[in-house]
Every structure is written in structure tokens, then in C-alpha cells.
Amino acid sequence: MTVRVREGHRAALRALPAARWPRPPDALALAVLAAGVAYRLGLLLHDTPPTNSDEATIGLAALHIAQGREFPVWFYGQAYMGTLEAYLAAPLVALAGPSTLALRLPTLALYAVFALLAWRLAVRLTGDRWYALLVAALLASGSDRIVKNQLIAGGGYPEMNAAGVALAVLAYDLAAGRPDRRLPRWAVWGFLAGLLIWVDPLVLPYVVAAGAVLLAFRWRELRGPAGALLGLGALVGAAPLLLDSVASGRSPLSAVLAAGGAGQPAGWGERLHGALVLGPALGMGFCSPSRCAGWQLWWSAALPLLLLAAAVVAWRRLRGAGQPGRSASAGHARGSGDPARVGAALALALVGAAAATLAVYALSSAAGRTPVESARYLSCLLISVPVLLWPVWDAARRRPADRVGHGRRGVAVAVLAATLGSAAFATAGAVAAAPAHRAEAARHADLVAALRERGVRHVYGGYWTCNRLTFASGEDIVCAVVDDDLSPGHDRYAPYRRTVDAAPDAAWLAPEGSPLAARLDAQRTGFALHTVPGWRLYLPPS
């Protein structure tokens, strides 16, 4: 009897579905991605990257949303760049009060979504999980420029990459004919595309690229309910932009062109240097904080070759996928849902989107006028990372048959090692800068405390002083912007100017050693001068 019971238990256990343990590369990739999130969380807890008045502008919008005072469509003071980050942060600001951490926890979550989906995209497009692990490791690193783009809630950058790679993954699944939840996927794709058009047009090349793949492979399906749901989703996602345009009669496109420097002077030599020499290495995470050493520019030279190689490989796969004997999906030769052809087409589209991003940036005067800070405009290039390194990885893993093969493999291994090594070196530079950023944040907290102690509630200050001060104080201290000649500056939130101008006891504040401080020393002789570490405070006569 006992033997029969035991045999019954064994049979029952054999009937249970086998436990699905993650494959070794998948488990390693998830660990690497978790490390990338932990690294960024550690930076946030050490006040890195440093905040600024632009991020504080999003913070003030979040504060106003939480209070029900304002529901802005655009970044305060301009008619472009949607305020999605402010709406994401508003619940945290309402619960915990105004703080930089409250603004950045949603952007940290967006980074996690981006990195996870980019890893999944690499698996989808190549089927090589060890290569996807390499992609995860590269995206887990984070130079100064990269973590600024991913974590600072300054408008647009953190959400662009997360939503952009989501569009690519959805495009692959839909075009390859995955049967589950198709109609909801079409609606989500449309919603994300519309949302990105509202948030920031920098990502448009990737929206167009993913949309082109869908149109090429699923144009018949788009003629039915799928197309209707996609269009409806796009209208919902872009609703803030559309409603504001109708109500105000303003064109966001003209505002974007003006912000990009249309009509402003910048030589072509400067533009090309900023866009093709400095920009790729800095914007994709291979440089030290705010500068690129000569050796770190190797990535900018390699990027065009990587794009060309990825395009050639994708084109060959696209042409060969439909030939019997050359594709795992030969039974669907040249069919609209052939995963091999879809993957090759999407890879080619992502290469094209990267090239278009570089071209548009080169056409803007920002590439020549402010090449270091404007490298953030290339942040979307990270969406193409899952396809950029595939030809190099493929060459590195092949067993060479002759001297030429050995040489190619050696070059490929060297490129991969240089890529990971350069990213790690740049990441170390960001870590090394964290103590200085934390000390600066502490000094700013001391400034806010000193102003409160002296009863200062209205001040004039520079652009990079004002909104940061107002947000840090929760609007207890209101600041109006002045230029270095003491004339009114660019107030992104106009009510602050009126409030400060109406205050009879408004003080003046300037960083030590700044042109504004020198002008105030010369012209505000009747004011009482007080010094706070790093700052000069001018109080009016009582």
C-alpha cells in the first residue's frame, strides 16, 4: 500500500509543469539591469546629477498641479515640450512636498522601463541572449551626460527613450503577427506615438521608423479596426497639444524650430564638429563630465561605421529571409508576418532613425553654438543600441577559418572591449563627481535656510538662481529673474515677477564672483550686504 502511495505521488509530481528557471544570460541580464537601477538610485541619494532651475520649473509645475492651481500643457515660458514629467511627479510632491527626489523617482522608473525593454528588443531582433546581456550591461552604465538625460526632470528626455523603445517592441510584435491582445496593442502604440509628439519632437525619427515597419507589414490590418484604434490612441496621446493649438492658434512646430536655432548663425564647421565629432561620444555616454578627452572621441569615429555595418547586415537579412533554406521562417517566405523579415526591417528602420537624428542635429545651430550641453539632443540614439553592436558581436563570436577571420575577430573583440571599457570609465567619472554635487546641494539648502532665517520672502536673482530657489522653498521665497545688467530677465512663470515687483522689501541675490554680483556691488550701495557661503545677499534699507 505504501509503495503504491509513493508511486502515486511520483506520478503526480511528474504530471506537474516543470519549473521555468531563467536562462543563465537572462538571469545575468536582469541582475545587471537591477544594478543599473541601483546605481542611479545611489546617485539620486547623493544629489547627483545636480539640479538646476529648468528642473525646478518642472517641479513648480508639479507643485501647482498637486495644488490644483495650474494644469500646464507646456514647459512654463514656452509653447513646446510637454509637461508629462510634472504630472508624473505631482502625486509624490503632494505626498512628500517639493524635493528633487520626488521629481526624479518617476524618471528612475522610466529608465528601468527603457533598459528592460531595450534588452527585450535585443532578444527579439537577434535571438542571442548573450548579446542581449551585452546590451543590458552597456545601458546599465551611466556617464554624467547619460544620467542627466535619464534622471533630471527637465522636460522630455527620460520618457522619450522609454516610450520610443516601447514603440519598437510593439511594432515588432504587431508586424510579426503575435496573436495575443492585438487590438489593445494597436491602441497602445497609437497612444504612445501621440504622447511622444506632445512631449518632445526629438523622438519623431523613431516614431516614423516604427510606424513605417507597421505600415509595410500590416497595411491590410490597418484598414480595419486596428487602424481606427491606432488613430484614436494617437489622438488621445496628443490631445494636450491638439487642444492647446486649437485654443491658442499657436503652432508647436514653429516654436520648436525657433528653439532649435533656426535662423541663428553657426558655421557649418562648428555644426559638423558638434554633431559628428563631439556629439555622439558625449551624448551616448563615453565622455567625462562636461568634456571629452581626445581618446574618448573614438566612438564618434566608430559610430558611422557601426551604422553602416548594421544597415548592411539588416538589408542582407531582409533580402535573404524569404529565400528557402536561409530562414527559420522559410515556410512564410516573404510573408507579412515572417519574424525574420520583420526583425531585419525593424533593425534597418532603427539605423535609419539614428542617422536621421544625427542629420537633424547637424542642421540645428545648437550643435555649433552649445555643443557640450546640446549633446542631450542625441539621447534618443540609445534606442538604436540593440542593433548597433550586433555586427561586431556576430564577428567576435564566429570561429575564424583563416588569418583574415582571425583579424576580423580580433578587431571585433577590441571594439566591444573598448565600448564597455569607455562606458565604465565615463561612469566612474560620474561617480567621482558625486561628492562635489552633494556639497553644492548642501550649500543651496543652507542658502534657503539663511533666507528664511532673515525673513526674506521676495528676491531678484539670475535665471539659474530663481526657480530653483522658489521650488526648494516651496514658494515661501519667490524670485524674479534679472539679467547681469539688472534689467528684467526671462521669468518662466509670470506671476512671480508681479509678486516680487509689488514687494517693497525685495532683496537681491547673486552667486559670489558672478557678473551680477559685480554689478550689484557697484549699484546697490545703499543695500546691506550679507554673505552666505557661495552667495551675496543684498537687503534693502529698512
Protein backbone atom coordinates (compact mmCIF):
# COMPACT_ATOMS: atom_id res chain seq x y z
CA MET A 1 0.00 0.00 0.00
CA THR A 2 2.84 2.36 0.97
CA VAL A 3 4.65 1.60 -2.29
CA ARG A 4 1.53 2.43 -4.30
CA VAL A 5 1.10 5.75 -2.47
CA ARG A 6 4.69 6.70 -3.16
CA GLU A 7 4.33 5.78 -6.82
CA GLY A 8 1.17 7.89 -6.97
CA HIS A 9 3.00 10.89 -5.51
CA ARG A 10 5.79 10.46 -8.04
CA ALA A 11 3.32 10.26 -10.90
CA ALA A 12 1.57 13.39 -9.66
CA LEU A 13 4.88 15.26 -9.43
CA ARG A 14 5.79 14.18 -12.96
CA ALA A 15 2.43 15.49 -14.15
CA LEU A 16 3.10 18.96 -12.74
CA PRO A 17 4.50 21.52 -15.21
CA ALA A 18 8.26 21.87 -14.96
CA ALA A 19 9.50 24.94 -13.14
CA ARG A 20 10.77 27.57 -15.56
CA TRP A 21 14.06 28.87 -14.34
CA PRO A 22 15.60 31.86 -16.11
CA ARG A 23 18.32 31.02 -18.59
CA PRO A 24 21.79 31.99 -17.33
CA PRO A 25 22.13 35.00 -19.70
CA ASP A 26 18.62 36.16 -18.78
CA ALA A 27 19.33 35.92 -15.06
CA LEU A 28 22.60 37.81 -15.53
CA ALA A 29 20.88 40.46 -17.64
CA LEU A 30 18.20 41.04 -15.01
CA ALA A 31 20.91 41.33 -12.35
CA VAL A 32 22.81 43.83 -14.49
CA LEU A 33 19.66 45.87 -15.09
CA ALA A 34 18.90 45.86 -11.37
CA ALA A 35 22.45 47.08 -10.76
CA GLY A 36 21.87 49.90 -13.24
CA VAL A 37 18.76 50.98 -11.35
CA ALA A 38 20.57 50.70 -8.00
CA TYR A 39 23.48 52.76 -9.33
CA ARG A 40 21.16 55.54 -10.40
CA LEU A 41 19.24 55.43 -7.13
CA GLY A 42 22.53 55.80 -5.29
CA LEU A 43 23.34 58.86 -7.39
CA LEU A 44 19.94 60.37 -6.60
CA LEU A 45 20.51 59.89 -2.89
CA HIS A 46 23.79 61.77 -3.28
CA ASP A 47 22.18 64.71 -5.11
CA THR A 48 23.65 63.62 -8.44
CA PRO A 49 23.25 64.77 -11.14
CA PRO A 50 22.99 68.36 -9.88
CA THR A 51 19.63 70.02 -10.23
CA ASN A 52 19.01 73.38 -11.87
CA SER A 53 16.30 75.96 -12.47
CA ASP A 54 14.94 74.15 -15.54
CA GLU A 55 14.27 71.05 -13.47
CA ALA A 56 12.82 73.26 -10.76
CA THR A 57 10.44 74.66 -13.39
CA ILE A 58 9.03 71.16 -13.86
CA GLY A 59 8.94 70.91 -10.07
CA LEU A 60 6.91 74.10 -9.78
CA ALA A 61 4.51 72.80 -12.43
CA ALA A 62 4.16 69.58 -10.41
CA LEU A 63 3.53 71.62 -7.26
CA HIS A 64 0.85 73.68 -9.00
CA ILE A 65 -0.78 70.52 -10.40
CA ALA A 66 -0.78 68.92 -6.95
CA GLN A 67 -2.41 72.03 -5.52
CA GLY A 68 -4.97 72.23 -8.33
CA ARG A 69 -3.79 75.73 -9.24
CA GLU A 70 -2.46 75.14 -12.73
CA PHE A 71 -2.60 72.34 -15.31
CA PRO A 72 0.09 73.38 -17.79
CA VAL A 73 0.34 71.81 -21.22
CA TRP A 74 3.83 73.11 -21.98
CA PHE A 75 7.00 73.76 -20.04
CA TYR A 76 6.43 77.13 -18.38
CA GLY A 77 7.56 80.06 -20.52
CA GLN A 78 7.39 78.36 -23.92
CA ALA A 79 4.91 76.75 -26.31
CA TYR A 80 6.59 73.37 -26.79
CA MET A 81 7.87 70.41 -24.73
CA GLY A 82 5.01 68.75 -22.87
CA THR A 83 4.83 68.57 -19.08
CA LEU A 84 4.33 64.82 -18.67
CA GLU A 85 7.10 64.68 -16.04
CA ALA A 86 5.27 67.25 -13.92
CA TYR A 87 2.09 65.17 -13.97
CA LEU A 88 4.03 62.03 -13.06
CA ALA A 89 5.73 63.78 -10.15
CA ALA A 90 2.66 65.65 -8.87
CA PRO A 91 1.38 62.81 -6.63
CA LEU A 92 4.79 62.46 -4.96
CA VAL A 93 5.09 66.22 -4.50
CA ALA A 94 1.61 66.25 -2.97
CA LEU A 95 2.56 63.47 -0.53
CA ALA A 96 6.14 64.41 0.37
CA GLY A 97 6.40 68.09 -0.50
CA PRO A 98 8.69 69.70 -3.06
CA SER A 99 12.04 67.95 -3.44
CA THR A 100 14.36 66.93 -6.23
CA LEU A 101 13.99 63.27 -5.23
CA ALA A 102 10.22 63.47 -5.68
CA LEU A 103 10.78 64.72 -9.23
CA ARG A 104 13.29 62.02 -10.06
CA LEU A 105 11.71 58.84 -8.75
CA PRO A 106 9.38 58.74 -11.78
CA THR A 107 12.32 59.32 -14.13
CA LEU A 108 14.20 56.48 -12.42
CA ALA A 109 11.21 54.23 -13.11
CA LEU A 110 11.25 55.38 -16.75
CA TYR A 111 14.92 54.41 -17.01
CA ALA A 112 14.11 50.95 -15.65
CA VAL A 113 11.36 50.55 -18.27
CA PHE A 114 13.71 51.71 -21.03
CA ALA A 115 16.56 49.38 -20.06
CA LEU A 116 14.28 46.36 -19.66
CA LEU A 117 12.52 46.93 -22.99
CA ALA A 118 15.82 47.58 -24.80
CA TRP A 119 17.07 44.22 -23.53
CA ARG A 120 13.87 42.56 -24.73
CA LEU A 121 14.23 44.29 -28.09
CA ALA A 122 17.76 42.91 -28.46
CA VAL A 123 16.42 39.41 -27.77
CA ARG A 124 13.60 39.89 -30.28
CA LEU A 125 15.83 41.18 -33.07
CA THR A 126 18.79 38.83 -32.72
CA GLY A 127 17.64 35.80 -30.74
CA ASP A 128 21.03 35.88 -28.99
CA ARG A 129 20.54 36.24 -25.24
CA TRP A 130 24.25 36.66 -24.54
CA TYR A 131 24.30 39.60 -26.91
CA ALA A 132 21.24 41.00 -25.12
CA LEU A 133 23.26 40.72 -21.89
CA LEU A 134 25.94 42.90 -23.51
CA VAL A 135 23.28 45.48 -24.42
CA ALA A 136 21.96 45.41 -20.86
CA ALA A 137 25.46 45.94 -19.44
CA LEU A 138 26.09 48.91 -21.72
CA LEU A 139 22.76 50.53 -20.83
CA ALA A 140 23.33 49.91 -17.12
CA SER A 141 26.41 52.12 -17.24
CA GLY A 142 25.85 55.83 -16.94
CA SER A 143 28.16 58.72 -17.67
CA ASP A 144 27.48 62.23 -16.45
CA ARG A 145 25.61 63.15 -19.64
CA ILE A 146 23.63 59.91 -19.68
CA VAL A 147 22.39 60.15 -16.10
CA LYS A 148 21.50 63.79 -16.66
CA ASN A 149 19.36 62.80 -19.64
CA GLN A 150 17.79 59.87 -17.82
CA LEU A 151 17.21 61.30 -14.34
CA ILE A 152 16.83 65.08 -14.48
CA ALA A 153 13.16 66.01 -14.82
CA GLY A 154 13.95 68.83 -17.19
CA GLY A 155 11.33 68.08 -19.80
CA GLY A 156 11.15 65.22 -22.29
CA TYR A 157 14.37 63.25 -22.16
CA PRO A 158 13.64 60.48 -19.60
CA GLU A 159 10.33 59.48 -21.18
CA MET A 160 11.43 59.69 -24.82
CA ASN A 161 13.68 56.64 -24.69
CA ALA A 162 11.27 54.53 -22.62
CA ALA A 163 8.32 55.22 -24.92
CA GLY A 164 10.47 55.08 -28.06
CA VAL A 165 11.80 51.58 -27.37
CA ALA A 166 8.28 50.51 -26.34
CA LEU A 167 7.08 51.57 -29.81
CA ALA A 168 9.81 49.43 -31.38
CA VAL A 169 8.93 46.34 -29.31
CA LEU A 170 5.23 46.77 -30.03
CA ALA A 171 5.95 47.29 -33.72
CA TYR A 172 7.88 44.02 -33.85
CA ASP A 173 5.15 42.06 -32.07
CA LEU A 174 2.37 43.50 -34.21
CA ALA A 175 4.19 43.20 -37.52
CA ALA A 176 5.35 39.65 -36.74
CA GLY A 177 1.74 38.65 -36.18
CA ARG A 178 1.77 37.76 -32.49
CA PRO A 179 -1.85 36.81 -31.90
CA ASP A 180 -2.47 37.82 -28.28
CA ARG A 181 -4.18 41.14 -27.42
CA ARG A 182 -3.64 42.67 -30.84
CA LEU A 183 -6.27 45.38 -30.72
CA PRO A 184 -5.13 46.73 -27.33
CA ARG A 185 -1.54 46.72 -28.63
CA TRP A 186 -2.57 48.81 -31.63
CA ALA A 187 -4.29 51.31 -29.33
CA VAL A 188 -1.26 51.48 -27.00
CA TRP A 189 1.09 52.02 -29.96
CA GLY A 190 -1.03 54.93 -31.16
CA PHE A 191 -1.29 56.42 -27.69
CA LEU A 192 2.48 56.31 -27.13
CA ALA A 193 3.13 57.83 -30.56
CA GLY A 194 0.72 60.69 -29.87
CA LEU A 195 2.15 61.18 -26.39
CA LEU A 196 5.69 61.49 -27.76
CA ILE A 197 4.60 64.05 -30.33
CA TRP A 198 3.29 66.15 -27.43
CA VAL A 199 6.25 65.56 -25.12
CA ASP A 200 9.16 66.26 -27.47
CA PRO A 201 9.56 66.04 -31.27
CA LEU A 202 13.20 64.92 -30.93
CA VAL A 203 12.00 61.32 -30.94
CA LEU A 204 9.96 61.68 -34.14
CA PRO A 205 12.51 59.78 -36.31
CA TYR A 206 11.91 56.72 -34.15
CA VAL A 207 8.14 57.13 -34.22
CA VAL A 208 8.26 57.33 -38.01
CA ALA A 209 10.65 54.36 -38.23
CA ALA A 210 8.48 52.06 -36.13
CA GLY A 211 5.36 53.26 -37.92
CA ALA A 212 6.93 52.53 -41.31
CA VAL A 213 7.55 48.92 -40.29
CA LEU A 214 3.93 48.54 -39.22
CA LEU A 215 2.70 50.07 -42.45
CA ALA A 216 4.94 47.87 -44.58
CA PHE A 217 3.92 44.59 -42.95
CA ARG A 218 0.40 45.23 -41.67
CA TRP A 219 -1.16 47.75 -44.02
CA ARG A 220 -4.13 45.47 -44.68
CA GLU A 221 -4.85 45.09 -40.97
CA LEU A 222 -4.57 48.85 -40.53
CA ARG A 223 -7.51 49.32 -42.88
CA GLY A 224 -9.82 47.83 -40.25
CA PRO A 225 -10.40 48.20 -36.50
CA ALA A 226 -6.66 48.16 -35.83
CA GLY A 227 -6.15 51.38 -37.76
CA ALA A 228 -9.13 53.01 -36.08
CA LEU A 229 -7.82 52.13 -32.61
CA LEU A 230 -4.31 53.31 -33.50
CA GLY A 231 -5.69 56.63 -34.70
CA LEU A 232 -7.88 57.02 -31.64
CA GLY A 233 -4.96 56.25 -29.35
CA ALA A 234 -2.80 58.80 -31.15
CA LEU A 235 -5.48 61.47 -30.74
CA VAL A 236 -5.74 60.74 -27.02
CA GLY A 237 -1.97 60.81 -26.56
CA ALA A 238 -1.57 64.07 -28.47
CA ALA A 239 -4.74 65.63 -27.02
CA PRO A 240 -2.95 68.25 -24.89
CA LEU A 241 -1.06 69.51 -27.94
CA LEU A 242 -4.11 69.49 -30.20
CA LEU A 243 -6.43 71.19 -27.73
CA ASP A 244 -3.88 73.89 -26.94
CA SER A 245 -3.23 74.52 -30.64
CA VAL A 246 -6.95 74.92 -31.30
CA ALA A 247 -7.49 77.16 -28.28
CA SER A 248 -4.46 79.40 -28.77
CA GLY A 249 -3.91 79.23 -32.53
CA ARG A 250 -0.20 78.57 -31.90
CA SER A 251 1.87 76.10 -33.88
CA PRO A 252 4.22 73.99 -31.74
CA LEU A 253 6.33 73.33 -34.84
CA SER A 254 7.31 77.00 -35.18
CA ALA A 255 8.26 77.14 -31.50
CA VAL A 256 10.41 74.02 -31.87
CA LEU A 257 12.20 75.45 -34.92
CA ALA A 258 12.91 78.66 -33.04
CA ALA A 259 14.28 76.73 -30.07
CA GLY A 260 16.48 74.66 -32.38
CA GLY A 261 18.17 77.82 -33.57
CA ALA A 262 16.55 78.19 -36.97
CA GLY A 263 17.93 81.35 -38.49
CA GLN A 264 20.66 81.79 -35.87
CA PRO A 265 24.26 81.97 -37.07
CA ALA A 266 26.52 78.94 -36.68
CA GLY A 267 29.20 77.87 -39.12
CA TRP A 268 28.93 74.51 -40.80
CA GLY A 269 32.33 73.52 -39.49
CA GLU A 270 31.15 74.14 -35.94
CA ARG A 271 27.86 72.32 -36.54
CA LEU A 272 29.52 69.26 -38.04
CA HIS A 273 32.10 69.15 -35.26
CA GLY A 274 29.40 69.38 -32.61
CA ALA A 275 27.10 66.87 -34.31
CA LEU A 276 29.52 64.28 -35.65
CA VAL A 277 32.71 64.60 -33.58
CA LEU A 278 31.75 65.69 -30.08
CA GLY A 279 28.05 64.86 -30.00
CA PRO A 280 27.96 61.05 -30.45
CA ALA A 281 30.65 60.30 -27.87
CA LEU A 282 29.25 62.77 -25.35
CA GLY A 283 25.57 62.11 -26.00
CA MET A 284 25.87 58.30 -25.90
CA GLY A 285 27.84 58.07 -22.67
CA PHE A 286 31.53 57.77 -23.47
CA CYS A 287 32.86 61.06 -22.09
CA SER A 288 33.87 62.56 -18.76
CA PRO A 289 31.58 65.12 -17.08
CA SER A 290 31.00 68.05 -19.48
CA ARG A 291 34.05 67.30 -21.61
CA CYS A 292 35.54 64.72 -23.94
CA ALA A 293 39.21 63.80 -23.91
CA GLY A 294 40.70 63.15 -27.34
CA TRP A 295 40.82 59.37 -26.88
CA GLN A 296 37.15 59.29 -25.83
CA LEU A 297 36.12 60.61 -29.25
CA TRP A 298 36.92 57.22 -30.82
CA TRP A 299 33.25 56.31 -30.52
CA SER A 300 32.25 59.22 -32.77
CA ALA A 301 34.57 57.87 -35.45
CA ALA A 302 33.26 54.33 -34.99
CA LEU A 303 29.55 55.23 -34.98
CA PRO A 304 29.16 55.84 -38.76
CA LEU A 305 30.91 52.52 -39.43
CA LEU A 306 28.69 50.74 -36.93
CA LEU A 307 25.59 52.27 -38.52
CA LEU A 308 26.76 51.23 -41.98
CA ALA A 309 27.57 47.70 -40.85
CA ALA A 310 24.23 47.34 -39.06
CA ALA A 311 22.39 48.60 -42.15
CA VAL A 312 24.22 46.15 -44.45
CA VAL A 313 23.57 43.19 -42.14
CA ALA A 314 19.90 44.13 -41.75
CA TRP A 315 19.47 44.57 -45.51
CA ARG A 316 21.03 41.20 -46.24
CA ARG A 317 18.82 39.54 -43.65
CA LEU A 318 15.79 41.30 -45.08
CA ARG A 319 16.56 40.04 -48.59
CA GLY A 320 17.59 36.56 -47.51
CA ALA A 321 14.82 35.94 -45.00
CA GLY A 322 12.37 35.00 -47.71
CA GLN A 323 14.66 32.56 -49.54
CA PRO A 324 14.09 28.87 -48.69
CA GLY A 325 16.88 27.38 -46.65
CA ARG A 326 18.08 30.74 -45.35
CA SER A 327 15.43 31.50 -42.76
CA ALA A 328 13.86 29.69 -39.86
CA SER A 329 10.56 31.01 -41.21
CA ALA A 330 11.03 29.81 -44.78
CA GLY A 331 7.52 28.43 -44.70
CA HIS A 332 6.34 32.04 -44.57
CA ALA A 333 8.60 33.13 -47.41
CA ARG A 334 8.26 36.85 -47.81
CA GLY A 335 5.05 36.72 -45.77
CA SER A 336 3.91 39.80 -43.93
CA GLY A 337 4.29 38.09 -40.54
CA ASP A 338 7.70 36.45 -41.05
CA PRO A 339 9.56 37.28 -37.81
CA ALA A 340 12.96 37.17 -39.55
CA ARG A 341 11.91 39.74 -42.13
CA VAL A 342 10.18 41.88 -39.52
CA GLY A 343 13.28 41.87 -37.32
CA ALA A 344 15.52 42.79 -40.22
CA ALA A 345 13.18 45.58 -41.32
CA LEU A 346 12.94 46.99 -37.81
CA ALA A 347 16.72 46.87 -37.39
CA LEU A 348 17.10 48.77 -40.67
CA ALA A 349 14.48 51.29 -39.51
CA LEU A 350 16.31 51.87 -36.22
CA VAL A 351 19.54 52.51 -38.12
CA GLY A 352 17.72 54.99 -40.33
CA ALA A 353 16.22 56.73 -37.30
CA ALA A 354 19.68 57.11 -35.76
CA ALA A 355 21.06 58.57 -38.98
CA ALA A 356 18.11 60.96 -39.23
CA THR A 357 18.63 62.07 -35.62
CA LEU A 358 22.26 62.89 -36.34
CA ALA A 359 21.34 64.73 -39.55
CA VAL A 360 18.66 66.86 -37.89
CA TYR A 361 21.03 67.73 -35.05
CA ALA A 362 23.74 68.74 -37.52
CA LEU A 363 21.27 71.09 -39.21
CA SER A 364 20.49 72.88 -35.94
CA SER A 365 22.68 75.77 -34.84
CA ALA A 366 22.68 74.32 -31.30
CA ALA A 367 25.24 71.75 -32.45
CA GLY A 368 27.66 74.56 -33.24
CA ARG A 369 26.75 77.15 -30.62
CA THR A 370 26.46 74.99 -27.47
CA PRO A 371 27.83 71.57 -28.44
CA VAL A 372 28.51 70.27 -24.92
CA GLU A 373 25.12 70.95 -23.36
CA SER A 374 23.23 70.35 -26.60
CA ALA A 375 24.58 66.79 -26.85
CA ARG A 376 21.44 65.89 -24.88
CA TYR A 377 19.56 66.21 -28.18
CA LEU A 378 21.19 62.93 -29.21
CA SER A 379 19.84 60.99 -26.24
CA CYS A 380 17.42 59.05 -28.49
CA LEU A 381 20.38 57.31 -30.16
CA LEU A 382 20.36 54.87 -27.24
CA ILE A 383 17.17 53.36 -28.70
CA SER A 384 19.34 52.05 -31.56
CA VAL A 385 21.92 50.38 -29.31
CA PRO A 386 20.26 46.91 -29.62
CA VAL A 387 21.13 46.87 -33.34
CA LEU A 388 24.32 48.95 -33.43
CA LEU A 389 26.70 46.39 -31.93
CA TRP A 390 25.17 43.25 -33.41
CA PRO A 391 27.53 43.01 -36.45
CA VAL A 392 30.53 43.44 -34.15
CA TRP A 393 29.24 40.80 -31.73
CA ASP A 394 28.49 38.43 -34.61
CA ALA A 395 32.03 38.83 -35.94
CA ALA A 396 33.50 38.32 -32.47
CA ARG A 397 31.65 35.06 -31.80
CA ARG A 398 32.41 33.41 -35.15
CA ARG A 399 35.18 30.83 -35.23
CA PRO A 400 37.76 32.12 -37.73
CA ALA A 401 38.84 29.86 -40.59
CA ASP A 402 41.88 31.81 -41.77
CA ARG A 403 44.13 34.75 -40.93
CA VAL A 404 41.61 37.24 -42.27
CA GLY A 405 38.97 35.75 -40.00
CA HIS A 406 41.31 35.95 -37.03
CA GLY A 407 41.96 39.60 -37.83
CA ARG A 408 38.27 40.43 -38.07
CA ARG A 409 37.55 38.64 -34.84
CA GLY A 410 40.37 40.47 -33.10
CA VAL A 411 39.09 43.85 -34.28
CA ALA A 412 35.55 42.97 -33.21
CA VAL A 413 36.66 41.88 -29.74
CA ALA A 414 38.72 45.07 -29.41
CA VAL A 415 35.72 47.24 -30.37
CA LEU A 416 33.46 45.50 -27.83
CA ALA A 417 36.10 45.79 -25.12
CA ALA A 418 36.69 49.46 -25.93
CA THR A 419 32.94 50.13 -25.85
CA LEU A 420 32.42 48.59 -22.42
CA GLY A 421 35.70 50.00 -21.09
CA SER A 422 34.97 53.54 -22.25
CA ALA A 423 31.47 53.40 -20.80
CA ALA A 424 32.83 52.11 -17.48
CA PHE A 425 35.48 54.85 -17.38
CA ALA A 426 32.87 57.53 -18.04
CA THR A 427 30.63 56.01 -15.37
CA ALA A 428 33.49 56.19 -12.88
CA GLY A 429 33.84 59.88 -13.73
CA ALA A 430 30.18 60.46 -12.87
CA VAL A 431 30.65 58.67 -9.55
CA ALA A 432 33.76 60.70 -8.74
CA ALA A 433 31.83 63.94 -9.24
CA ALA A 434 29.04 62.96 -6.82
CA PRO A 435 30.68 64.31 -3.61
CA ALA A 436 31.06 67.76 -5.16
CA HIS A 437 27.43 67.73 -6.28
CA ARG A 438 26.29 66.72 -2.82
CA ALA A 439 28.31 69.51 -1.24
CA GLU A 440 26.78 72.04 -3.66
CA ALA A 441 23.28 70.81 -2.80
CA ALA A 442 24.06 71.23 0.90
CA ARG A 443 25.22 74.80 0.28
CA HIS A 444 21.99 75.56 -1.54
CA ALA A 445 19.98 74.14 1.36
CA ASP A 446 21.97 76.41 3.69
CA LEU A 447 21.09 79.36 1.44
CA VAL A 448 17.36 78.60 1.66
CA ALA A 449 17.63 78.25 5.43
CA ALA A 450 19.57 81.54 5.72
CA LEU A 451 16.99 83.43 3.67
CA ARG A 452 14.17 82.06 5.79
CA GLU A 453 16.01 82.97 8.98
CA ARG A 454 16.40 86.56 7.79
CA GLY A 455 12.73 86.75 6.80
CA VAL A 456 13.50 87.18 3.08
CA ARG A 457 10.45 86.27 1.02
CA HIS A 458 10.99 88.17 -2.24
CA VAL A 459 14.25 88.35 -4.19
CA TYR A 460 15.68 89.25 -7.56
CA GLY A 461 18.29 86.88 -8.98
CA GLY A 462 19.72 85.30 -12.09
CA TYR A 463 17.93 82.73 -14.25
CA TRP A 464 19.80 79.77 -12.78
CA THR A 465 19.05 81.01 -9.27
CA CYS A 466 15.38 81.85 -9.31
CA ASN A 467 13.17 78.87 -9.98
CA ARG A 468 15.49 76.55 -8.12
CA LEU A 469 15.24 78.77 -5.06
CA THR A 470 11.46 79.12 -5.36
CA PHE A 471 10.91 75.38 -5.72
CA ALA A 472 13.32 74.44 -2.93
CA SER A 473 11.45 76.76 -0.57
CA GLY A 474 8.03 75.52 -1.67
CA GLU A 475 7.26 79.05 -2.90
CA ASP A 476 7.92 80.51 0.54
CA ILE A 477 10.58 82.55 -1.25
CA VAL A 478 9.57 83.96 -4.63
CA CYS A 479 12.24 85.03 -7.09
CA ALA A 480 12.07 87.19 -10.23
CA VAL A 481 14.78 86.89 -12.89
CA VAL A 482 17.16 89.70 -13.78
CA ASP A 483 19.96 89.81 -16.31
CA ASP A 484 23.52 90.80 -15.46
CA ASP A 485 22.70 94.46 -16.22
CA LEU A 486 19.83 94.32 -13.66
CA SER A 487 17.15 94.50 -16.36
CA PRO A 488 14.19 92.06 -16.19
CA GLY A 489 15.16 88.61 -17.39
CA HIS A 490 13.28 85.52 -18.58
CA ASP A 491 10.64 84.67 -15.99
CA ARG A 492 9.15 81.34 -16.97
CA TYR A 493 6.23 81.82 -14.58
CA ALA A 494 5.00 85.40 -14.99
CA PRO A 495 3.13 85.70 -11.63
CA TYR A 496 6.45 85.57 -9.79
CA ARG A 497 7.57 88.79 -11.49
CA ARG A 498 4.42 90.61 -10.47
CA THR A 499 4.69 89.37 -6.89
CA VAL A 500 8.31 90.45 -6.46
CA ASP A 501 7.82 93.79 -8.20
CA ALA A 502 4.97 94.56 -5.80
CA ALA A 503 7.03 93.72 -2.71
CA PRO A 504 8.57 96.80 -1.01
CA ASP A 505 11.29 94.75 0.71
CA ALA A 506 12.60 92.66 -2.20
CA ALA A 507 16.23 91.64 -1.78
CA TRP A 508 18.84 90.86 -4.43
CA LEU A 509 20.82 87.63 -4.63
CA ALA A 510 23.83 86.66 -6.72
CA PRO A 511 26.48 83.92 -6.73
CA GLU A 512 29.88 85.06 -5.45
CA GLY A 513 32.20 86.13 -8.25
CA SER A 514 29.43 86.40 -10.84
CA PRO A 515 28.94 89.38 -13.21
CA LEU A 516 25.62 90.02 -11.46
CA ALA A 517 27.36 90.26 -8.08
CA ALA A 518 29.88 92.73 -9.52
CA ARG A 519 27.09 94.91 -10.90
CA LEU A 520 25.20 94.81 -7.61
CA ASP A 521 28.34 95.75 -5.67
CA ALA A 522 28.63 98.83 -7.86
CA GLN A 523 24.99 99.92 -7.99
CA ARG A 524 23.31 98.73 -4.77
CA THR A 525 25.47 100.78 -2.44
CA GLY A 526 22.59 101.58 -0.10
CA PHE A 527 21.76 97.93 0.47
CA ALA A 528 23.04 95.91 3.41
CA LEU A 529 25.38 93.19 2.19
CA HIS A 530 25.24 89.76 3.80
CA THR A 531 27.27 86.76 2.72
CA VAL A 532 26.11 83.16 2.70
CA PRO A 533 28.74 80.61 1.62
CA GLY A 534 28.84 80.94 -2.17
CA TRP A 535 26.33 83.81 -2.30
CA ARG A 536 25.96 87.54 -1.81
CA LEU A 537 22.65 88.80 -0.44
CA TYR A 538 21.68 92.48 -0.72
CA LEU A 539 18.93 93.59 1.67
CA PRO A 540 17.12 96.90 1.06
CA PRO A 541 17.33 99.70 3.63
CA SER A 542 14.80 99.16 6.39
